[in-house]
């Protein structure tokens, strides 16, 4: 195995780990937003005695909130993560001890 192949394999593994980390953080963000929005919307619908309009409005609001949370919590971090950023993050976390490389 050549040095170039090993380097590409190593960078690929770093990229996969960063993607998994971004995915898990994003999923936690979406889940917490879903819980918070659901409780809030149930309290609002309860104030309106769970009328047909309050239920429909709550469902629509929850759908929009979850779509935005998914976009910002999962979509953007995964879209921004590429090999260049993965290498940059790895280099920032583990800077080289020698000044020649």
PDB file of N, CA and C in Angstrom:
ATOM      1  N   UNK A   1       0.854  -1.168   0.000  1.00  0.00           N
ATOM      2  CA  UNK A   1       0.000   0.000   0.000  1.00  0.00           C
ATOM      3  C   UNK A   1       0.902   1.234   0.000  1.00  0.00           C
ATOM      4  N   UNK A   2       0.647   2.136  -0.929  1.00  0.00           N
ATOM      5  CA  UNK A   2       1.481   3.325  -1.035  1.00  0.00           C
ATOM      6  C   UNK A   2       1.097   4.345   0.044  1.00  0.00           C
ATOM      7  N   UNK A   3       1.981   5.292   0.230  1.00  0.00           N
ATOM      8  CA  UNK A   3       1.738   6.335   1.233  1.00  0.00           C
ATOM      9  C   UNK A   3       0.518   7.159   0.863  1.00  0.00           C
ATOM     10  N   UNK A   4       0.338   7.411  -0.412  1.00  0.00           N
ATOM     11  CA  UNK A   4      -0.813   8.197  -0.865  1.00  0.00           C
ATOM     12  C   UNK A   4      -2.123   7.451  -0.570  1.00  0.00           C
ATOM     13  N   UNK A   5      -2.135   6.169  -0.819  1.00  0.00           N
ATOM     14  CA  UNK A   5      -3.328   5.364  -0.557  1.00  0.00           C
ATOM     15  C   UNK A   5      -3.636   5.323   0.939  1.00  0.00           C
ATOM     16  N   UNK A   6      -2.604   5.177   1.751  1.00  0.00           N
ATOM     17  CA  UNK A   6      -2.797   5.185   3.197  1.00  0.00           C
ATOM     18  C   UNK A   6      -3.344   6.522   3.678  1.00  0.00           C
ATOM     19  N   UNK A   7      -2.817   7.604   3.107  1.00  0.00           N
ATOM     20  CA  UNK A   7      -3.287   8.936   3.490  1.00  0.00           C
ATOM     21  C   UNK A   7      -4.756   9.114   3.126  1.00  0.00           C
ATOM     22  N   UNK A   8      -5.141   8.713   1.917  1.00  0.00           N
ATOM     23  CA  UNK A   8      -6.543   8.831   1.505  1.00  0.00           C
ATOM     24  C   UNK A   8      -7.451   7.975   2.385  1.00  0.00           C
ATOM     25  N   UNK A   9      -6.983   6.806   2.759  1.00  0.00           N
ATOM     26  CA  UNK A   9      -7.758   5.933   3.640  1.00  0.00           C
ATOM     27  C   UNK A   9      -7.928   6.582   5.022  1.00  0.00           C
ATOM     28  N   UNK A  10      -6.855   7.156   5.536  1.00  0.00           N
ATOM     29  CA  UNK A  10      -6.886   7.816   6.842  1.00  0.00           C
ATOM     30  C   UNK A  10      -7.832   9.010   6.819  1.00  0.00           C
ATOM     31  N   UNK A  11      -7.749   9.823   5.782  1.00  0.00           N
ATOM     32  CA  UNK A  11      -8.612  10.994   5.677  1.00  0.00           C
ATOM     33  C   UNK A  11     -10.071  10.543   5.540  1.00  0.00           C
ATOM     34  N   UNK A  12     -10.311   9.467   4.814  1.00  0.00           N
ATOM     35  CA  UNK A  12     -11.664   8.941   4.692  1.00  0.00           C
ATOM     36  C   UNK A  12     -12.227   8.501   6.027  1.00  0.00           C
ATOM     37  N   UNK A  13     -11.393   7.865   6.843  1.00  0.00           N
ATOM     38  CA  UNK A  13     -11.847   7.448   8.171  1.00  0.00           C
ATOM     39  C   UNK A  13     -12.150   8.657   9.048  1.00  0.00           C
ATOM     40  N   UNK A  14     -11.327   9.693   8.977  1.00  0.00           N
ATOM     41  CA  UNK A  14     -11.579  10.921   9.755  1.00  0.00           C
ATOM     42  C   UNK A  14     -12.892  11.551   9.304  1.00  0.00           C
ATOM     43  N   UNK A  15     -13.095  11.599   7.999  1.00  0.00           N
ATOM     44  CA  UNK A  15     -14.317  12.197   7.471  1.00  0.00           C
ATOM     45  C   UNK A  15     -15.555  11.416   7.929  1.00  0.00           C
ATOM     46  N   UNK A  16     -15.497  10.099   7.921  1.00  0.00           N
ATOM     47  CA  UNK A  16     -16.621   9.287   8.382  1.00  0.00           C
ATOM     48  C   UNK A  16     -16.903   9.534   9.869  1.00  0.00           C
ATOM     49  N   UNK A  17     -15.846   9.636  10.668  1.00  0.00           N
ATOM     50  CA  UNK A  17     -16.044   9.897  12.100  1.00  0.00           C
ATOM     51  C   UNK A  17     -16.672  11.262  12.338  1.00  0.00           C
ATOM     52  N   UNK A  18     -16.217  12.262  11.591  1.00  0.00           N
ATOM     53  CA  UNK A  18     -16.790  13.598  11.750  1.00  0.00           C
ATOM     54  C   UNK A  18     -18.237  13.629  11.282  1.00  0.00           C
ATOM     55  N   UNK A  19     -18.560  12.900  10.220  1.00  0.00           N
ATOM     56  CA  UNK A  19     -19.942  12.818   9.751  1.00  0.00           C
ATOM     57  C   UNK A  19     -20.834  12.154  10.808  1.00  0.00           C
ATOM     58  N   UNK A  20     -20.334  11.084  11.410  1.00  0.00           N
ATOM     59  CA  UNK A  20     -21.099  10.410  12.447  1.00  0.00           C
ATOM     60  C   UNK A  20     -21.311  11.330  13.649  1.00  0.00           C
ATOM     61  N   UNK A  21     -20.286  12.089  14.018  1.00  0.00           N
ATOM     62  CA  UNK A  21     -20.414  13.032  15.130  1.00  0.00           C
ATOM     63  C   UNK A  21     -21.431  14.123  14.798  1.00  0.00           C
ATOM     64  N   UNK A  22     -21.365  14.650  13.567  1.00  0.00           N
ATOM     65  CA  UNK A  22     -22.323  15.682  13.161  1.00  0.00           C
ATOM     66  C   UNK A  22     -23.736  15.114  13.104  1.00  0.00           C
ATOM     67  N   UNK A  23     -23.868  13.884  12.647  1.00  0.00           N
ATOM     68  CA  UNK A  23     -25.172  13.245  12.582  1.00  0.00           C
ATOM     69  C   UNK A  23     -25.759  13.025  13.970  1.00  0.00           C
ATOM     70  N   UNK A  24     -24.945  12.582  14.904  1.00  0.00           N
ATOM     71  CA  UNK A  24     -25.459  12.342  16.261  1.00  0.00           C
ATOM     72  C   UNK A  24     -25.809  13.656  16.967  1.00  0.00           C
ATOM     73  N   UNK A  25     -24.985  14.690  16.791  1.00  0.00           N
ATOM     74  CA  UNK A  25     -25.326  15.993  17.383  1.00  0.00           C
ATOM     75  C   UNK A  25     -26.591  16.557  16.750  1.00  0.00           C
ATOM     76  N   UNK A  26     -26.710  16.414  15.437  1.00  0.00           N
ATOM     77  CA  UNK A  26     -27.897  16.910  14.751  1.00  0.00           C
ATOM     78  C   UNK A  26     -29.154  16.171  15.165  1.00  0.00           C
ATOM     79  N   UNK A  27     -29.046  14.858  15.309  1.00  0.00           N
ATOM     80  CA  UNK A  27     -30.207  14.072  15.741  1.00  0.00           C
ATOM     81  C   UNK A  27     -30.629  14.461  17.156  1.00  0.00           C
ATOM     82  N   UNK A  28     -29.675  14.705  18.024  1.00  0.00           N
ATOM     83  CA  UNK A  28     -30.000  15.148  19.387  1.00  0.00           C
ATOM     84  C   UNK A  28     -30.663  16.523  19.357  1.00  0.00           C
ATOM     85  N   UNK A  29     -30.194  17.401  18.490  1.00  0.00           N
ATOM     86  CA  UNK A  29     -30.777  18.734  18.353  1.00  0.00           C
ATOM     87  C   UNK A  29     -32.226  18.632  17.862  1.00  0.00           C
ATOM     88  N   UNK A  30     -32.448  17.823  16.832  1.00  0.00           N
ATOM     89  CA  UNK A  30     -33.800  17.666  16.286  1.00  0.00           C
ATOM     90  C   UNK A  30     -34.723  17.041  17.322  1.00  0.00           C
ATOM     91  N   UNK A  31     -34.251  16.049  18.049  1.00  0.00           N
ATOM     92  CA  UNK A  31     -35.087  15.407  19.061  1.00  0.00           C
ATOM     93  C   UNK A  31     -35.455  16.376  20.176  1.00  0.00           C
ATOM     94  N   UNK A  32     -34.508  17.193  20.616  1.00  0.00           N
ATOM     95  CA  UNK A  32     -34.814  18.147  21.688  1.00  0.00           C
ATOM     96  C   UNK A  32     -35.769  19.233  21.201  1.00  0.00           C
ATOM     97  N   UNK A  33     -35.591  19.692  19.970  1.00  0.00           N
ATOM     98  CA  UNK A  33     -36.519  20.680  19.411  1.00  0.00           C
ATOM     99  C   UNK A  33     -37.912  20.067  19.267  1.00  0.00           C
ATOM    100  N   UNK A  34     -37.981  18.799  18.840  1.00  0.00           N
ATOM    101  CA  UNK A  34     -39.271  18.130  18.681  1.00  0.00           C
ATOM    102  C   UNK A  34     -39.992  18.035  20.019  1.00  0.00           C
ATOM    103  N   UNK A  35     -39.273  17.676  21.059  1.00  0.00           N
ATOM    104  CA  UNK A  35     -39.891  17.568  22.383  1.00  0.00           C
ATOM    105  C   UNK A  35     -40.369  18.925  22.873  1.00  0.00           C
ATOM    106  N   UNK A  36     -39.514  19.920  22.780  1.00  0.00           N
ATOM    107  CA  UNK A  36     -39.871  21.259  23.236  1.00  0.00           C
ATOM    108  C   UNK A  36     -41.056  21.820  22.447  1.00  0.00           C
ATOM    109  N   UNK A  37     -41.028  21.659  21.126  1.00  0.00           N
ATOM    110  CA  UNK A  37     -42.118  22.178  20.301  1.00  0.00           C
ATOM    111  C   UNK A  37     -43.416  21.439  20.577  1.00  0.00           C
ATOM    112  N   UNK A  38     -43.355  20.138  20.751  1.00  0.00           N
ATOM    113  CA  UNK A  38     -44.561  19.366  21.023  1.00  0.00           C
ATOM    114  C   UNK A  38     -45.209  19.792  22.328  1.00  0.00           C
ATOM    115  N   UNK A  39     -44.413  19.912  23.381  1.00  0.00           N
ATOM    116  CA  UNK A  39     -44.963  20.323  24.678  1.00  0.00           C
ATOM    117  C   UNK A  39     -45.554  21.728  24.583  1.00  0.00           C
ATOM    118  N   UNK A  40     -44.851  22.631  23.927  1.00  0.00           N
ATOM    119  CA  UNK A  40     -45.336  24.008  23.795  1.00  0.00           C
ATOM    120  C   UNK A  40     -46.633  24.059  22.997  1.00  0.00           C
ATOM    121  N   UNK A  41     -46.676  23.332  21.891  1.00  0.00           N
ATOM    122  CA  UNK A  41     -47.875  23.356  21.054  1.00  0.00           C
ATOM    123  C   UNK A  41     -49.059  22.673  21.732  1.00  0.00           C
ATOM    124  N   UNK A  42     -48.817  21.653  22.530  1.00  0.00           N
ATOM    125  CA  UNK A  42     -49.908  21.017  23.283  1.00  0.00           C
ATOM    126  C   UNK A  42     -50.464  21.989  24.313  1.00  0.00           C
ATOM    127  N   UNK A  43     -49.587  22.729  24.976  1.00  0.00           N
ATOM    128  CA  UNK A  43     -50.065  23.721  25.945  1.00  0.00           C
ATOM    129  C   UNK A  43     -50.881  24.817  25.260  1.00  0.00           C
ATOM    130  N   UNK A  44     -50.447  25.231  24.080  1.00  0.00           N
ATOM    131  CA  UNK A  44     -51.196  26.256  23.339  1.00  0.00           C
ATOM    132  C   UNK A  44     -52.543  25.699  22.888  1.00  0.00           C
ATOM    133  N   UNK A  45     -52.544  24.470  22.355  1.00  0.00           N
ATOM    134  CA  UNK A  45     -53.801  23.859  21.909  1.00  0.00           C
ATOM    135  C   UNK A  45     -54.731  23.621  23.093  1.00  0.00           C
ATOM    136  N   UNK A  46     -54.169  23.314  24.235  1.00  0.00           N
ATOM    137  CA  UNK A  46     -54.983  23.112  25.437  1.00  0.00           C
ATOM    138  C   UNK A  46     -55.682  24.403  25.838  1.00  0.00           C
ATOM    139  N   UNK A  47     -55.009  25.523  25.656  1.00  0.00           N
ATOM    140  CA  UNK A  47     -55.625  26.810  25.986  1.00  0.00           C
ATOM    141  C   UNK A  47     -56.825  27.088  25.081  1.00  0.00           C
ATOM    142  N   UNK A  48     -56.829  26.525  23.884  1.00  0.00           N
ATOM    143  CA  UNK A  48     -57.949  26.682  22.958  1.00  0.00           C
ATOM    144  C   UNK A  48     -58.886  25.472  22.996  1.00  0.00           C
ATOM    145  N   UNK A  49     -58.811  24.684  24.057  1.00  0.00           N
ATOM    146  CA  UNK A  49     -59.679  23.526  24.290  1.00  0.00           C
ATOM    147  C   UNK A  49     -59.584  22.508  23.150  1.00  0.00           C
ATOM    148  N   UNK A  50     -58.422  22.381  22.581  1.00  0.00           N
ATOM    149  CA  UNK A  50     -58.153  21.416  21.509  1.00  0.00           C
ATOM    150  C   UNK A  50     -59.180  21.511  20.382  1.00  0.00           C
ATOM    151  N   UNK A  51     -59.427  22.739  19.959  1.00  0.00           N
ATOM    152  CA  UNK A  51     -60.357  22.943  18.849  1.00  0.00           C
ATOM    153  C   UNK A  51     -59.722  22.431  17.560  1.00  0.00           C
ATOM    154  N   UNK A  52     -60.554  22.275  16.541  1.00  0.00           N
ATOM    155  CA  UNK A  52     -60.061  21.764  15.253  1.00  0.00           C
ATOM    156  C   UNK A  52     -58.979  22.680  14.677  1.00  0.00           C
ATOM    157  N   UNK A  53     -59.179  23.973  14.798  1.00  0.00           N
ATOM    158  CA  UNK A  53     -58.194  24.930  14.285  1.00  0.00           C
ATOM    159  C   UNK A  53     -56.872  24.883  15.033  1.00  0.00           C
ATOM    160  N   UNK A  54     -56.947  24.717  16.352  1.00  0.00           N
ATOM    161  CA  UNK A  54     -55.713  24.672  17.132  1.00  0.00           C
ATOM    162  C   UNK A  54     -54.933  23.383  16.859  1.00  0.00           C
ATOM    163  N   UNK A  55     -55.636  22.282  16.640  1.00  0.00           N
ATOM    164  CA  UNK A  55     -54.966  21.015  16.319  1.00  0.00           C
ATOM    165  C   UNK A  55     -54.303  21.105  14.949  1.00  0.00           C
ATOM    166  N   UNK A  56     -55.034  21.619  13.966  1.00  0.00           N
ATOM    167  CA  UNK A  56     -54.476  21.750  12.612  1.00  0.00           C
ATOM    168  C   UNK A  56     -53.295  22.715  12.604  1.00  0.00           C
ATOM    169  N   UNK A  57     -53.452  23.830  13.271  1.00  0.00           N
ATOM    170  CA  UNK A  57     -52.360  24.803  13.346  1.00  0.00           C
ATOM    171  C   UNK A  57     -51.132  24.246  14.051  1.00  0.00           C
ATOM    172  N   UNK A  58     -51.367  23.484  15.110  1.00  0.00           N
ATOM    173  CA  UNK A  58     -50.251  22.878  15.839  1.00  0.00           C
ATOM    174  C   UNK A  58     -49.525  21.857  14.988  1.00  0.00           C
ATOM    175  N   UNK A  59     -50.276  21.060  14.238  1.00  0.00           N
ATOM    176  CA  UNK A  59     -49.644  20.072  13.355  1.00  0.00           C
ATOM    177  C   UNK A  59     -48.802  20.760  12.287  1.00  0.00           C
ATOM    178  N   UNK A  60     -49.349  21.806  11.698  1.00  0.00           N
ATOM    179  CA  UNK A  60     -48.618  22.539  10.664  1.00  0.00           C
ATOM    180  C   UNK A  60     -47.374  23.201  11.252  1.00  0.00           C
ATOM    181  N   UNK A  61     -47.524  23.822  12.414  1.00  0.00           N
ATOM    182  CA  UNK A  61     -46.379  24.467  13.065  1.00  0.00           C
ATOM    183  C   UNK A  61     -45.312  23.440  13.430  1.00  0.00           C
ATOM    184  N   UNK A  62     -45.725  22.284  13.933  1.00  0.00           N
ATOM    185  CA  UNK A  62     -44.763  21.242  14.295  1.00  0.00           C
ATOM    186  C   UNK A  62     -44.028  20.726  13.069  1.00  0.00           C
ATOM    187  N   UNK A  63     -44.741  20.550  11.972  1.00  0.00           N
ATOM    188  CA  UNK A  63     -44.101  20.105  10.734  1.00  0.00           C
ATOM    189  C   UNK A  63     -43.056  21.113  10.267  1.00  0.00           C
ATOM    190  N   UNK A  64     -43.394  22.387  10.291  1.00  0.00           N
ATOM    191  CA  UNK A  64     -42.452  23.434   9.854  1.00  0.00           C
ATOM    192  C   UNK A  64     -41.258  23.509  10.800  1.00  0.00           C
ATOM    193  N   UNK A  65     -41.509  23.437  12.092  1.00  0.00           N
ATOM    194  CA  UNK A  65     -40.425  23.497  13.081  1.00  0.00           C
ATOM    195  C   UNK A  65     -39.475  22.322  12.907  1.00  0.00           C
ATOM    196  N   UNK A  66     -40.024  21.121  12.712  1.00  0.00           N
ATOM    197  CA  UNK A  66     -39.170  19.942  12.541  1.00  0.00           C
ATOM    198  C   UNK A  66     -38.398  19.988  11.228  1.00  0.00           C
ATOM    199  N   UNK A  67     -39.005  20.514  10.186  1.00  0.00           N
ATOM    200  CA  UNK A  67     -38.288  20.646   8.913  1.00  0.00           C
ATOM    201  C   UNK A  67     -37.116  21.619   9.051  1.00  0.00           C
ATOM    202  N   UNK A  68     -37.342  22.737   9.713  1.00  0.00           N
ATOM    203  CA  UNK A  68     -36.262  23.704   9.916  1.00  0.00           C
ATOM    204  C   UNK A  68     -35.184  23.154  10.845  1.00  0.00           C
ATOM    205  N   UNK A  69     -35.598  22.441  11.886  1.00  0.00           N
ATOM    206  CA  UNK A  69     -34.620  21.844  12.798  1.00  0.00           C
ATOM    207  C   UNK A  69     -33.784  20.801  12.065  1.00  0.00           C
ATOM    208  N   UNK A  70     -34.408  20.013  11.215  1.00  0.00           N
ATOM    209  CA  UNK A  70     -33.669  19.032  10.425  1.00  0.00           C
ATOM    210  C   UNK A  70     -32.710  19.697   9.458  1.00  0.00           C
ATOM    211  N   UNK A  71     -33.145  20.787   8.858  1.00  0.00           N
ATOM    212  CA  UNK A  71     -32.274  21.508   7.922  1.00  0.00           C
ATOM    213  C   UNK A  71     -31.062  22.091   8.640  1.00  0.00           C
ATOM    214  N   UNK A  72     -31.301  22.781   9.749  1.00  0.00           N
ATOM    215  CA  UNK A  72     -30.195  23.432  10.450  1.00  0.00           C
ATOM    216  C   UNK A  72     -29.399  22.482  11.332  1.00  0.00           C
ATOM    217  N   UNK A  73     -30.040  21.461  11.868  1.00  0.00           N
ATOM    218  CA  UNK A  73     -29.342  20.536  12.761  1.00  0.00           C
ATOM    219  C   UNK A  73     -28.625  19.411  12.054  1.00  0.00           C
ATOM    220  N   UNK A  74     -29.157  18.965  10.926  1.00  0.00           N
ATOM    221  CA  UNK A  74     -28.566  17.851  10.196  1.00  0.00           C
ATOM    222  C   UNK A  74     -28.028  18.260   8.834  1.00  0.00           C
ATOM    223  N   UNK A  75     -28.852  18.961   8.069  1.00  0.00           N
ATOM    224  CA  UNK A  75     -28.498  19.275   6.688  1.00  0.00           C
ATOM    225  C   UNK A  75     -27.266  20.148   6.538  1.00  0.00           C
ATOM    226  N   UNK A  76     -27.250  21.265   7.191  1.00  0.00           N
ATOM    227  CA  UNK A  76     -26.122  22.194   7.042  1.00  0.00           C
ATOM    228  C   UNK A  76     -24.796  21.619   7.547  1.00  0.00           C
ATOM    229  N   UNK A  77     -24.747  21.025   8.729  1.00  0.00           N
ATOM    230  CA  UNK A  77     -23.457  20.478   9.170  1.00  0.00           C
ATOM    231  C   UNK A  77     -22.932  19.366   8.253  1.00  0.00           C
ATOM    232  N   UNK A  78     -23.824  18.511   7.772  1.00  0.00           N
ATOM    233  CA  UNK A  78     -23.374  17.437   6.882  1.00  0.00           C
ATOM    234  C   UNK A  78     -23.000  17.972   5.508  1.00  0.00           C
ATOM    235  N   UNK A  79     -23.692  19.004   5.045  1.00  0.00           N
ATOM    236  CA  UNK A  79     -23.379  19.593   3.746  1.00  0.00           C
ATOM    237  C   UNK A  79     -22.019  20.312   3.776  1.00  0.00           C
ATOM    238  N   UNK A  80     -21.718  20.967   4.894  1.00  0.00           N
ATOM    239  CA  UNK A  80     -20.466  21.711   5.007  1.00  0.00           C
ATOM    240  C   UNK A  80     -19.253  20.817   5.230  1.00  0.00           C
ATOM    241  N   UNK A  81     -19.473  19.593   5.676  1.00  0.00           N
ATOM    242  CA  UNK A  81     -18.357  18.706   5.977  1.00  0.00           C
ATOM    243  C   UNK A  81     -17.861  18.039   4.698  1.00  0.00           C
ATOM    244  N   UNK A  82     -16.628  18.317   4.347  1.00  0.00           N
ATOM    245  CA  UNK A  82     -15.994  17.675   3.205  1.00  0.00           C
ATOM    246  C   UNK A  82     -14.574  17.281   3.602  1.00  0.00           C
ATOM    247  N   UNK A  83     -13.829  16.715   2.681  1.00  0.00           N
ATOM    248  CA  UNK A  83     -12.477  16.250   3.005  1.00  0.00           C
ATOM    249  C   UNK A  83     -11.578  17.388   3.466  1.00  0.00           C
ATOM    250  N   UNK A  84     -11.681  18.522   2.840  1.00  0.00           N
ATOM    251  CA  UNK A  84     -10.821  19.649   3.209  1.00  0.00           C
ATOM    252  C   UNK A  84     -11.088  20.107   4.632  1.00  0.00           C
ATOM    253  N   UNK A  85     -12.348  20.219   4.996  1.00  0.00           N
ATOM    254  CA  UNK A  85     -12.678  20.624   6.371  1.00  0.00           C
ATOM    255  C   UNK A  85     -12.315  19.534   7.374  1.00  0.00           C
ATOM    256  N   UNK A  86     -12.477  18.275   6.969  1.00  0.00           N
ATOM    257  CA  UNK A  86     -12.112  17.170   7.867  1.00  0.00           C
ATOM    258  C   UNK A  86     -10.617  17.202   8.155  1.00  0.00           C
ATOM    259  N   UNK A  87      -9.813  17.417   7.127  1.00  0.00           N
ATOM    260  CA  UNK A  87      -8.360  17.502   7.321  1.00  0.00           C
ATOM    261  C   UNK A  87      -8.018  18.720   8.157  1.00  0.00           C
ATOM    262  N   UNK A  88      -8.684  19.841   7.892  1.00  0.00           N
ATOM    263  CA  UNK A  88      -8.431  21.056   8.666  1.00  0.00           C
ATOM    264  C   UNK A  88      -8.749  20.874  10.143  1.00  0.00           C
ATOM    265  N   UNK A  89      -9.853  20.200  10.438  1.00  0.00           N
ATOM    266  CA  UNK A  89     -10.203  19.959  11.842  1.00  0.00           C
ATOM    267  C   UNK A  89      -9.219  19.009  12.500  1.00  0.00           C
ATOM    268  N   UNK A  90      -8.772  17.983  11.760  1.00  0.00           N
ATOM    269  CA  UNK A  90      -7.802  17.040  12.326  1.00  0.00           C
ATOM    270  C   UNK A  90      -6.469  17.741  12.579  1.00  0.00           C
ATOM    271  N   UNK A  91      -6.056  18.596  11.662  1.00  0.00           N
ATOM    272  CA  UNK A  91      -4.797  19.320  11.856  1.00  0.00           C
ATOM    273  C   UNK A  91      -4.899  20.317  12.997  1.00  0.00           C
ATOM    274  N   UNK A  92      -6.053  20.929  13.154  1.00  0.00           N
ATOM    275  CA  UNK A  92      -6.226  21.891  14.241  1.00  0.00           C
ATOM    276  C   UNK A  92      -6.217  21.193  15.597  1.00  0.00           C
ATOM    277  N   UNK A  93      -6.792  19.996  15.639  1.00  0.00           N
ATOM    278  CA  UNK A  93      -6.852  19.276  16.910  1.00  0.00           C
ATOM    279  C   UNK A  93      -5.513  18.636  17.263  1.00  0.00           C
ATOM    280  N   UNK A  94      -4.780  18.174  16.255  1.00  0.00           N
ATOM    281  CA  UNK A  94      -3.487  17.514  16.478  1.00  0.00           C
ATOM    282  C   UNK A  94      -2.417  18.191  15.639  1.00  0.00           C
ATOM    283  N   UNK A  95      -1.965  19.377  16.054  1.00  0.00           N
ATOM    284  CA  UNK A  95      -0.960  20.080  15.265  1.00  0.00           C
ATOM    285  C   UNK A  95       0.363  19.291  15.245  1.00  0.00           C
ATOM    286  N   UNK A  96       1.090  19.460  14.149  1.00  0.00           N
ATOM    287  CA  UNK A  96       2.350  18.749  13.989  1.00  0.00           C
ATOM    288  C   UNK A  96       3.385  19.277  14.977  1.00  0.00           C
ATOM    289  N   UNK A  97       4.165  18.368  15.540  1.00  0.00           N
ATOM    290  CA  UNK A  97       5.171  18.789  16.512  1.00  0.00           C
ATOM    291  C   UNK A  97       6.446  19.244  15.825  1.00  0.00           C
ATOM    292  N   UNK A  98       6.652  18.857  14.589  1.00  0.00           N
ATOM    293  CA  UNK A  98       7.856  19.292  13.859  1.00  0.00           C
ATOM    294  C   UNK A  98       7.500  20.477  12.985  1.00  0.00           C
ATOM    295  N   UNK A  99       8.413  21.420  12.861  1.00  0.00           N
ATOM    296  CA  UNK A  99       8.134  22.616  12.073  1.00  0.00           C
ATOM    297  C   UNK A  99       8.392  22.407  10.596  1.00  0.00           C
ATOM    298  N   UNK A 100       9.037  21.295  10.215  1.00  0.00           N
ATOM    299  CA  UNK A 100       9.348  21.045   8.816  1.00  0.00           C
ATOM    300  C   UNK A 100       8.155  20.577   8.006  1.00  0.00           C
ATOM    301  N   UNK A 101       7.167  19.942   8.629  1.00  0.00           N
ATOM    302  CA  UNK A 101       6.034  19.417   7.870  1.00  0.00           C
ATOM    303  C   UNK A 101       4.803  20.063   8.302  1.00  0.00           C
TER     304      UNK A 101
END
